[in-house]
């Protein structure tokens, strides 16, 4: 699904109704906007963290991680993501 939107002089876009309806976007829905491969990507943040509890089911290994283990895994994932971002956006040296 796709639709055209026009940016205003203030940099604002109106998301077309068919897109809002398809994604169940409501007034006040926050969007995370990024650029990926030269394209604008807007992801709705219409879920609360509590809504995601249990969404993945039990871990395949059956191992339950401590909060500290989860925090460490998140730190590692963020560091890896940051390294990838820097690598993609590194300016060539003259």
PDB file of N, CA and C in Angstrom:
ATOM      1  N   UNK A   1       0.852  -1.177   0.000  1.00  0.00           N
ATOM      2  CA  UNK A   1       0.000   0.000   0.000  1.00  0.00           C
ATOM      3  C   UNK A   1       0.889   1.227   0.000  1.00  0.00           C
ATOM      4  N   UNK A   2       0.497   2.220  -0.710  1.00  0.00           N
ATOM      5  CA  UNK A   2       1.221   3.482  -0.746  1.00  0.00           C
ATOM      6  C   UNK A   2       0.287   4.602  -1.124  1.00  0.00           C
ATOM      7  N   UNK A   3       0.682   5.801  -0.800  1.00  0.00           N
ATOM      8  CA  UNK A   3      -0.119   6.977  -1.129  1.00  0.00           C
ATOM      9  C   UNK A   3       0.809   8.181  -1.131  1.00  0.00           C
ATOM     10  N   UNK A   4       0.452   9.201  -1.844  1.00  0.00           N
ATOM     11  CA  UNK A   4       1.255  10.413  -1.894  1.00  0.00           C
ATOM     12  C   UNK A   4       0.898  11.332  -0.739  1.00  0.00           C
ATOM     13  N   UNK A   5       1.905  12.039  -0.235  1.00  0.00           N
ATOM     14  CA  UNK A   5       1.730  13.072   0.778  1.00  0.00           C
ATOM     15  C   UNK A   5       2.635  14.223   0.361  1.00  0.00           C
ATOM     16  N   UNK A   6       2.252  15.434   0.685  1.00  0.00           N
ATOM     17  CA  UNK A   6       3.030  16.614   0.329  1.00  0.00           C
ATOM     18  C   UNK A   6       3.538  17.279   1.599  1.00  0.00           C
ATOM     19  N   UNK A   7       4.811  17.628   1.607  1.00  0.00           N
ATOM     20  CA  UNK A   7       5.391  18.280   2.775  1.00  0.00           C
ATOM     21  C   UNK A   7       5.062  19.773   2.736  1.00  0.00           C
ATOM     22  N   UNK A   8       4.659  20.311   3.884  1.00  0.00           N
ATOM     23  CA  UNK A   8       4.351  21.735   3.997  1.00  0.00           C
ATOM     24  C   UNK A   8       5.638  22.533   4.180  1.00  0.00           C
ATOM     25  N   UNK A   9       5.509  23.853   4.157  1.00  0.00           N
ATOM     26  CA  UNK A   9       6.676  24.718   4.358  1.00  0.00           C
ATOM     27  C   UNK A   9       7.263  24.545   5.753  1.00  0.00           C
ATOM     28  N   UNK A  10       6.498  23.998   6.680  1.00  0.00           N
ATOM     29  CA  UNK A  10       6.984  23.741   8.037  1.00  0.00           C
ATOM     30  C   UNK A  10       7.563  22.337   8.171  1.00  0.00           C
ATOM     31  N   UNK A  11       7.631  21.594   7.081  1.00  0.00           N
ATOM     32  CA  UNK A  11       8.197  20.245   7.112  1.00  0.00           C
ATOM     33  C   UNK A  11       7.223  19.193   7.612  1.00  0.00           C
ATOM     34  N   UNK A  12       5.938  19.489   7.615  1.00  0.00           N
ATOM     35  CA  UNK A  12       4.940  18.548   8.115  1.00  0.00           C
ATOM     36  C   UNK A  12       4.309  17.753   6.970  1.00  0.00           C
ATOM     37  N   UNK A  13       3.946  16.511   7.289  1.00  0.00           N
ATOM     38  CA  UNK A  13       3.245  15.650   6.338  1.00  0.00           C
ATOM     39  C   UNK A  13       1.925  15.208   6.952  1.00  0.00           C
ATOM     40  N   UNK A  14       0.917  15.079   6.129  1.00  0.00           N
ATOM     41  CA  UNK A  14      -0.328  14.463   6.567  1.00  0.00           C
ATOM     42  C   UNK A  14      -0.318  13.041   6.022  1.00  0.00           C
ATOM     43  N   UNK A  15      -0.457  12.089   6.921  1.00  0.00           N
ATOM     44  CA  UNK A  15      -0.488  10.691   6.495  1.00  0.00           C
ATOM     45  C   UNK A  15      -1.871  10.418   5.908  1.00  0.00           C
ATOM     46  N   UNK A  16      -1.920   9.945   4.670  1.00  0.00           N
ATOM     47  CA  UNK A  16      -3.219   9.720   4.028  1.00  0.00           C
ATOM     48  C   UNK A  16      -4.105   8.768   4.846  1.00  0.00           C
ATOM     49  N   UNK A  17      -5.424   9.013   4.775  1.00  0.00           N
ATOM     50  CA  UNK A  17      -6.388   8.277   5.582  1.00  0.00           C
ATOM     51  C   UNK A  17      -6.292   6.771   5.391  1.00  0.00           C
ATOM     52  N   UNK A  18      -6.108   6.309   4.145  1.00  0.00           N
ATOM     53  CA  UNK A  18      -6.061   4.857   3.929  1.00  0.00           C
ATOM     54  C   UNK A  18      -4.848   4.221   4.633  1.00  0.00           C
ATOM     55  N   UNK A  19      -3.765   4.968   4.724  1.00  0.00           N
ATOM     56  CA  UNK A  19      -2.584   4.470   5.433  1.00  0.00           C
ATOM     57  C   UNK A  19      -2.843   4.488   6.939  1.00  0.00           C
ATOM     58  N   UNK A  20      -3.410   5.590   7.433  1.00  0.00           N
ATOM     59  CA  UNK A  20      -3.744   5.672   8.871  1.00  0.00           C
ATOM     60  C   UNK A  20      -4.686   4.553   9.265  1.00  0.00           C
ATOM     61  N   UNK A  21      -5.691   4.303   8.445  1.00  0.00           N
ATOM     62  CA  UNK A  21      -6.661   3.246   8.752  1.00  0.00           C
ATOM     63  C   UNK A  21      -6.008   1.864   8.739  1.00  0.00           C
ATOM     64  N   UNK A  22      -5.167   1.618   7.740  1.00  0.00           N
ATOM     65  CA  UNK A  22      -4.521   0.309   7.629  1.00  0.00           C
ATOM     66  C   UNK A  22      -3.626   0.014   8.830  1.00  0.00           C
ATOM     67  N   UNK A  23      -2.983   1.059   9.354  1.00  0.00           N
ATOM     68  CA  UNK A  23      -2.080   0.884  10.497  1.00  0.00           C
ATOM     69  C   UNK A  23      -2.743   1.182  11.837  1.00  0.00           C
ATOM     70  N   UNK A  24      -4.033   1.508  11.785  1.00  0.00           N
ATOM     71  CA  UNK A  24      -4.786   1.842  12.992  1.00  0.00           C
ATOM     72  C   UNK A  24      -4.110   2.976  13.770  1.00  0.00           C
ATOM     73  N   UNK A  25      -3.677   4.008  13.038  1.00  0.00           N
ATOM     74  CA  UNK A  25      -3.049   5.165  13.661  1.00  0.00           C
ATOM     75  C   UNK A  25      -4.130   6.113  14.157  1.00  0.00           C
ATOM     76  N   UNK A  26      -3.944   6.614  15.345  1.00  0.00           N
ATOM     77  CA  UNK A  26      -4.903   7.537  15.938  1.00  0.00           C
ATOM     78  C   UNK A  26      -4.209   8.862  16.208  1.00  0.00           C
ATOM     79  N   UNK A  27      -4.983   9.894  16.446  1.00  0.00           N
ATOM     80  CA  UNK A  27      -4.429  11.186  16.824  1.00  0.00           C
ATOM     81  C   UNK A  27      -3.503  10.998  18.017  1.00  0.00           C
ATOM     82  N   UNK A  28      -2.317  11.572  17.922  1.00  0.00           N
ATOM     83  CA  UNK A  28      -1.362  11.474  19.019  1.00  0.00           C
ATOM     84  C   UNK A  28      -0.394  10.307  18.902  1.00  0.00           C
ATOM     85  N   UNK A  29      -0.606   9.426  17.904  1.00  0.00           N
ATOM     86  CA  UNK A  29       0.327   8.318  17.717  1.00  0.00           C
ATOM     87  C   UNK A  29       1.699   8.891  17.377  1.00  0.00           C
ATOM     88  N   UNK A  30       2.720   8.415  18.077  1.00  0.00           N
ATOM     89  CA  UNK A  30       4.082   8.866  17.813  1.00  0.00           C
ATOM     90  C   UNK A  30       4.706   7.963  16.750  1.00  0.00           C
ATOM     91  N   UNK A  31       5.499   8.588  15.883  1.00  0.00           N
ATOM     92  CA  UNK A  31       6.202   7.866  14.834  1.00  0.00           C
ATOM     93  C   UNK A  31       7.696   8.062  15.026  1.00  0.00           C
ATOM     94  N   UNK A  32       8.467   6.995  14.841  1.00  0.00           N
ATOM     95  CA  UNK A  32       9.913   7.079  14.853  1.00  0.00           C
ATOM     96  C   UNK A  32      10.334   7.201  13.397  1.00  0.00           C
ATOM     97  N   UNK A  33      10.983   8.305  13.046  1.00  0.00           N
ATOM     98  CA  UNK A  33      11.312   8.594  11.654  1.00  0.00           C
ATOM     99  C   UNK A  33      12.821   8.496  11.467  1.00  0.00           C
ATOM    100  N   UNK A  34      13.233   7.712  10.460  1.00  0.00           N
ATOM    101  CA  UNK A  34      14.639   7.548  10.141  1.00  0.00           C
ATOM    102  C   UNK A  34      14.824   7.623   8.638  1.00  0.00           C
ATOM    103  N   UNK A  35      16.076   7.619   8.223  1.00  0.00           N
ATOM    104  CA  UNK A  35      16.415   7.541   6.806  1.00  0.00           C
ATOM    105  C   UNK A  35      17.144   6.224   6.599  1.00  0.00           C
ATOM    106  N   UNK A  36      16.702   5.462   5.620  1.00  0.00           N
ATOM    107  CA  UNK A  36      17.318   4.176   5.311  1.00  0.00           C
ATOM    108  C   UNK A  36      17.474   4.063   3.801  1.00  0.00           C
ATOM    109  N   UNK A  37      18.697   3.916   3.353  1.00  0.00           N
ATOM    110  CA  UNK A  37      18.974   3.797   1.921  1.00  0.00           C
ATOM    111  C   UNK A  37      18.336   4.920   1.115  1.00  0.00           C
ATOM    112  N   UNK A  38      18.418   6.136   1.640  1.00  0.00           N
ATOM    113  CA  UNK A  38      17.891   7.301   0.929  1.00  0.00           C
ATOM    114  C   UNK A  38      16.383   7.444   0.976  1.00  0.00           C
ATOM    115  N   UNK A  39      15.715   6.671   1.820  1.00  0.00           N
ATOM    116  CA  UNK A  39      14.255   6.750   1.930  1.00  0.00           C
ATOM    117  C   UNK A  39      13.851   7.107   3.355  1.00  0.00           C
ATOM    118  N   UNK A  40      12.739   7.805   3.474  1.00  0.00           N
ATOM    119  CA  UNK A  40      12.175   8.106   4.788  1.00  0.00           C
ATOM    120  C   UNK A  40      11.438   6.867   5.279  1.00  0.00           C
ATOM    121  N   UNK A  41      11.697   6.481   6.509  1.00  0.00           N
ATOM    122  CA  UNK A  41      11.001   5.349   7.121  1.00  0.00           C
ATOM    123  C   UNK A  41      10.365   5.860   8.401  1.00  0.00           C
ATOM    124  N   UNK A  42       9.064   5.697   8.531  1.00  0.00           N
ATOM    125  CA  UNK A  42       8.339   6.131   9.734  1.00  0.00           C
ATOM    126  C   UNK A  42       7.678   4.908  10.353  1.00  0.00           C
ATOM    127  N   UNK A  43       8.049   4.615  11.597  1.00  0.00           N
ATOM    128  CA  UNK A  43       7.492   3.451  12.287  1.00  0.00           C
ATOM    129  C   UNK A  43       6.610   3.938  13.422  1.00  0.00           C
ATOM    130  N   UNK A  44       5.346   3.514  13.439  1.00  0.00           N
ATOM    131  CA  UNK A  44       4.471   3.926  14.534  1.00  0.00           C
ATOM    132  C   UNK A  44       4.908   3.299  15.848  1.00  0.00           C
ATOM    133  N   UNK A  45       4.864   4.084  16.889  1.00  0.00           N
ATOM    134  CA  UNK A  45       5.156   3.599  18.238  1.00  0.00           C
ATOM    135  C   UNK A  45       3.840   3.619  19.015  1.00  0.00           C
ATOM    136  N   UNK A  46       2.950   2.720  18.607  1.00  0.00           N
ATOM    137  CA  UNK A  46       1.623   2.694  19.222  1.00  0.00           C
ATOM    138  C   UNK A  46       1.457   1.532  20.192  1.00  0.00           C
ATOM    139  N   UNK A  47       2.568   0.926  20.570  1.00  0.00           N
ATOM    140  CA  UNK A  47       2.528  -0.164  21.552  1.00  0.00           C
ATOM    141  C   UNK A  47       3.270   0.280  22.798  1.00  0.00           C
ATOM    142  N   UNK A  48       2.764  -0.114  23.934  1.00  0.00           N
ATOM    143  CA  UNK A  48       3.469   0.104  25.185  1.00  0.00           C
ATOM    144  C   UNK A  48       4.302  -1.141  25.442  1.00  0.00           C
ATOM    145  N   UNK A  49       5.391  -0.976  26.156  1.00  0.00           N
ATOM    146  CA  UNK A  49       6.256  -2.105  26.448  1.00  0.00           C
ATOM    147  C   UNK A  49       5.469  -3.229  27.110  1.00  0.00           C
ATOM    148  N   UNK A  50       4.559  -2.884  27.994  1.00  0.00           N
ATOM    149  CA  UNK A  50       3.764  -3.903  28.688  1.00  0.00           C
ATOM    150  C   UNK A  50       2.908  -4.713  27.705  1.00  0.00           C
ATOM    151  N   UNK A  51       2.524  -4.104  26.568  1.00  0.00           N
ATOM    152  CA  UNK A  51       1.728  -4.818  25.563  1.00  0.00           C
ATOM    153  C   UNK A  51       2.520  -5.957  24.928  1.00  0.00           C
ATOM    154  N   UNK A  52       3.840  -5.874  24.994  1.00  0.00           N
ATOM    155  CA  UNK A  52       4.679  -6.863  24.339  1.00  0.00           C
ATOM    156  C   UNK A  52       5.051  -8.036  25.242  1.00  0.00           C
ATOM    157  N   UNK A  53       4.677  -7.952  26.499  1.00  0.00           N
ATOM    158  CA  UNK A  53       5.041  -9.012  27.448  1.00  0.00           C
ATOM    159  C   UNK A  53       4.529 -10.356  26.941  1.00  0.00           C
ATOM    160  N   UNK A  54       5.432 -11.314  26.841  1.00  0.00           N
ATOM    161  CA  UNK A  54       5.065 -12.666  26.445  1.00  0.00           C
ATOM    162  C   UNK A  54       4.868 -12.879  24.960  1.00  0.00           C
ATOM    163  N   UNK A  55       5.088 -11.859  24.159  1.00  0.00           N
ATOM    164  CA  UNK A  55       4.804 -11.966  22.730  1.00  0.00           C
ATOM    165  C   UNK A  55       5.675 -13.029  22.053  1.00  0.00           C
ATOM    166  N   UNK A  56       6.879 -13.253  22.570  1.00  0.00           N
ATOM    167  CA  UNK A  56       7.780 -14.224  21.955  1.00  0.00           C
ATOM    168  C   UNK A  56       7.647 -15.621  22.535  1.00  0.00           C
ATOM    169  N   UNK A  57       6.846 -15.760  23.568  1.00  0.00           N
ATOM    170  CA  UNK A  57       6.713 -17.065  24.200  1.00  0.00           C
ATOM    171  C   UNK A  57       7.937 -17.391  25.036  1.00  0.00           C
ATOM    172  N   UNK A  58       8.113 -18.659  25.318  1.00  0.00           N
ATOM    173  CA  UNK A  58       9.259 -19.077  26.120  1.00  0.00           C
ATOM    174  C   UNK A  58      10.514 -19.090  25.262  1.00  0.00           C
ATOM    175  N   UNK A  59      11.669 -18.784  25.874  1.00  0.00           N
ATOM    176  CA  UNK A  59      12.918 -18.826  25.105  1.00  0.00           C
ATOM    177  C   UNK A  59      13.166 -20.233  24.563  1.00  0.00           C
ATOM    178  N   UNK A  60      13.688 -20.344  23.340  1.00  0.00           N
ATOM    179  CA  UNK A  60      13.932 -21.664  22.749  1.00  0.00           C
ATOM    180  C   UNK A  60      14.851 -22.529  23.611  1.00  0.00           C
ATOM    181  N   UNK A  61      15.797 -21.874  24.282  1.00  0.00           N
ATOM    182  CA  UNK A  61      16.729 -22.644  25.105  1.00  0.00           C
ATOM    183  C   UNK A  61      16.098 -23.049  26.429  1.00  0.00           C
ATOM    184  N   UNK A  62      14.982 -22.418  26.767  1.00  0.00           N
ATOM    185  CA  UNK A  62      14.343 -22.669  28.055  1.00  0.00           C
ATOM    186  C   UNK A  62      15.005 -21.909  29.188  1.00  0.00           C
ATOM    187  N   UNK A  63      16.126 -21.245  28.877  1.00  0.00           N
ATOM    188  CA  UNK A  63      16.869 -20.488  29.891  1.00  0.00           C
ATOM    189  C   UNK A  63      16.211 -19.129  30.113  1.00  0.00           C
ATOM    190  N   UNK A  64      15.983 -18.792  31.357  1.00  0.00           N
ATOM    191  CA  UNK A  64      15.413 -17.492  31.694  1.00  0.00           C
ATOM    192  C   UNK A  64      16.566 -16.592  32.115  1.00  0.00           C
ATOM    193  N   UNK A  65      16.679 -15.435  31.472  1.00  0.00           N
ATOM    194  CA  UNK A  65      17.781 -14.522  31.745  1.00  0.00           C
ATOM    195  C   UNK A  65      17.450 -13.565  32.884  1.00  0.00           C
ATOM    196  N   UNK A  66      18.479 -13.189  33.614  1.00  0.00           N
ATOM    197  CA  UNK A  66      18.317 -12.174  34.659  1.00  0.00           C
ATOM    198  C   UNK A  66      18.231 -10.801  33.991  1.00  0.00           C
ATOM    199  N   UNK A  67      17.788  -9.815  34.745  1.00  0.00           N
ATOM    200  CA  UNK A  67      17.734  -8.438  34.235  1.00  0.00           C
ATOM    201  C   UNK A  67      19.135  -7.995  33.816  1.00  0.00           C
ATOM    202  N   UNK A  68      20.135  -8.356  34.607  1.00  0.00           N
ATOM    203  CA  UNK A  68      21.513  -7.973  34.285  1.00  0.00           C
ATOM    204  C   UNK A  68      21.946  -8.583  32.948  1.00  0.00           C
ATOM    205  N   UNK A  69      21.605  -9.848  32.723  1.00  0.00           N
ATOM    206  CA  UNK A  69      21.947 -10.499  31.454  1.00  0.00           C
ATOM    207  C   UNK A  69      21.238  -9.813  30.281  1.00  0.00           C
ATOM    208  N   UNK A  70      19.975  -9.464  30.489  1.00  0.00           N
ATOM    209  CA  UNK A  70      19.227  -8.775  29.429  1.00  0.00           C
ATOM    210  C   UNK A  70      19.835  -7.406  29.153  1.00  0.00           C
ATOM    211  N   UNK A  71      20.180  -6.669  30.218  1.00  0.00           N
ATOM    212  CA  UNK A  71      20.801  -5.355  30.036  1.00  0.00           C
ATOM    213  C   UNK A  71      22.100  -5.474  29.261  1.00  0.00           C
ATOM    214  N   UNK A  72      22.899  -6.471  29.575  1.00  0.00           N
ATOM    215  CA  UNK A  72      24.170  -6.685  28.877  1.00  0.00           C
ATOM    216  C   UNK A  72      23.928  -6.998  27.403  1.00  0.00           C
ATOM    217  N   UNK A  73      22.926  -7.828  27.126  1.00  0.00           N
ATOM    218  CA  UNK A  73      22.596  -8.166  25.736  1.00  0.00           C
ATOM    219  C   UNK A  73      22.150  -6.926  24.964  1.00  0.00           C
ATOM    220  N   UNK A  74      21.372  -6.068  25.618  1.00  0.00           N
ATOM    221  CA  UNK A  74      20.920  -4.829  24.972  1.00  0.00           C
ATOM    222  C   UNK A  74      22.120  -3.924  24.701  1.00  0.00           C
ATOM    223  N   UNK A  75      23.014  -3.782  25.671  1.00  0.00           N
ATOM    224  CA  UNK A  75      24.214  -2.952  25.473  1.00  0.00           C
ATOM    225  C   UNK A  75      25.021  -3.448  24.278  1.00  0.00           C
ATOM    226  N   UNK A  76      25.208  -4.755  24.196  1.00  0.00           N
ATOM    227  CA  UNK A  76      25.971  -5.321  23.086  1.00  0.00           C
ATOM    228  C   UNK A  76      25.279  -5.060  21.741  1.00  0.00           C
ATOM    229  N   UNK A  77      23.959  -5.207  21.714  1.00  0.00           N
ATOM    230  CA  UNK A  77      23.212  -4.985  20.472  1.00  0.00           C
ATOM    231  C   UNK A  77      23.278  -3.517  20.050  1.00  0.00           C
ATOM    232  N   UNK A  78      23.171  -2.610  21.017  1.00  0.00           N
ATOM    233  CA  UNK A  78      23.241  -1.174  20.703  1.00  0.00           C
ATOM    234  C   UNK A  78      24.634  -0.823  20.196  1.00  0.00           C
ATOM    235  N   UNK A  79      25.666  -1.349  20.839  1.00  0.00           N
ATOM    236  CA  UNK A  79      27.041  -1.082  20.403  1.00  0.00           C
ATOM    237  C   UNK A  79      27.259  -1.593  18.980  1.00  0.00           C
ATOM    238  N   UNK A  80      26.746  -2.773  18.682  1.00  0.00           N
ATOM    239  CA  UNK A  80      26.881  -3.338  17.340  1.00  0.00           C
ATOM    240  C   UNK A  80      26.136  -2.488  16.314  1.00  0.00           C
ATOM    241  N   UNK A  81      24.939  -2.059  16.678  1.00  0.00           N
ATOM    242  CA  UNK A  81      24.136  -1.218  15.781  1.00  0.00           C
ATOM    243  C   UNK A  81      24.844   0.114  15.527  1.00  0.00           C
ATOM    244  N   UNK A  82      25.441   0.697  16.585  1.00  0.00           N
ATOM    245  CA  UNK A  82      26.148   1.972  16.463  1.00  0.00           C
ATOM    246  C   UNK A  82      27.371   1.804  15.545  1.00  0.00           C
ATOM    247  N   UNK A  83      28.111   0.704  15.709  1.00  0.00           N
ATOM    248  CA  UNK A  83      29.261   0.448  14.849  1.00  0.00           C
ATOM    249  C   UNK A  83      28.824   0.349  13.389  1.00  0.00           C
ATOM    250  N   UNK A  84      27.715  -0.340  13.137  1.00  0.00           N
ATOM    251  CA  UNK A  84      27.191  -0.460  11.771  1.00  0.00           C
ATOM    252  C   UNK A  84      26.808   0.909  11.222  1.00  0.00           C
ATOM    253  N   UNK A  85      26.156   1.729  12.059  1.00  0.00           N
ATOM    254  CA  UNK A  85      25.741   3.074  11.649  1.00  0.00           C
ATOM    255  C   UNK A  85      26.961   3.910  11.281  1.00  0.00           C
ATOM    256  N   UNK A  86      27.981   3.894  12.138  1.00  0.00           N
ATOM    257  CA  UNK A  86      29.189   4.673  11.865  1.00  0.00           C
ATOM    258  C   UNK A  86      29.885   4.203  10.594  1.00  0.00           C
ATOM    259  N   UNK A  87      29.920   2.896  10.390  1.00  0.00           N
ATOM    260  CA  UNK A  87      30.559   2.336   9.202  1.00  0.00           C
ATOM    261  C   UNK A  87      29.821   2.800   7.934  1.00  0.00           C
ATOM    262  N   UNK A  88      28.482   2.805   7.985  1.00  0.00           N
ATOM    263  CA  UNK A  88      27.688   3.218   6.814  1.00  0.00           C
ATOM    264  C   UNK A  88      27.812   4.703   6.534  1.00  0.00           C
ATOM    265  N   UNK A  89      28.050   5.506   7.575  1.00  0.00           N
ATOM    266  CA  UNK A  89      28.039   6.968   7.415  1.00  0.00           C
ATOM    267  C   UNK A  89      29.430   7.584   7.480  1.00  0.00           C
ATOM    268  N   UNK A  90      30.452   6.765   7.455  1.00  0.00           N
ATOM    269  CA  UNK A  90      31.832   7.273   7.511  1.00  0.00           C
ATOM    270  C   UNK A  90      32.133   8.055   6.250  1.00  0.00           C
ATOM    271  N   UNK A  91      32.679   9.246   6.444  1.00  0.00           N
ATOM    272  CA  UNK A  91      33.063  10.089   5.327  1.00  0.00           C
ATOM    273  C   UNK A  91      34.436   9.672   4.819  1.00  0.00           C
ATOM    274  N   UNK A  92      34.615   9.586   3.506  1.00  0.00           N
ATOM    275  CA  UNK A  92      35.940   9.224   2.985  1.00  0.00           C
ATOM    276  C   UNK A  92      36.958  10.305   3.351  1.00  0.00           C
ATOM    277  N   UNK A  93      38.144   9.884   3.728  1.00  0.00           N
ATOM    278  CA  UNK A  93      39.209  10.826   4.075  1.00  0.00           C
ATOM    279  C   UNK A  93      39.894  11.300   2.791  1.00  0.00           C
ATOM    280  N   UNK A  94      40.161  12.617   2.698  1.00  0.00           N
ATOM    281  CA  UNK A  94      40.813  13.152   1.473  1.00  0.00           C
ATOM    282  C   UNK A  94      42.252  12.723   1.370  1.00  0.00           C
TER     283      UNK A  94
END
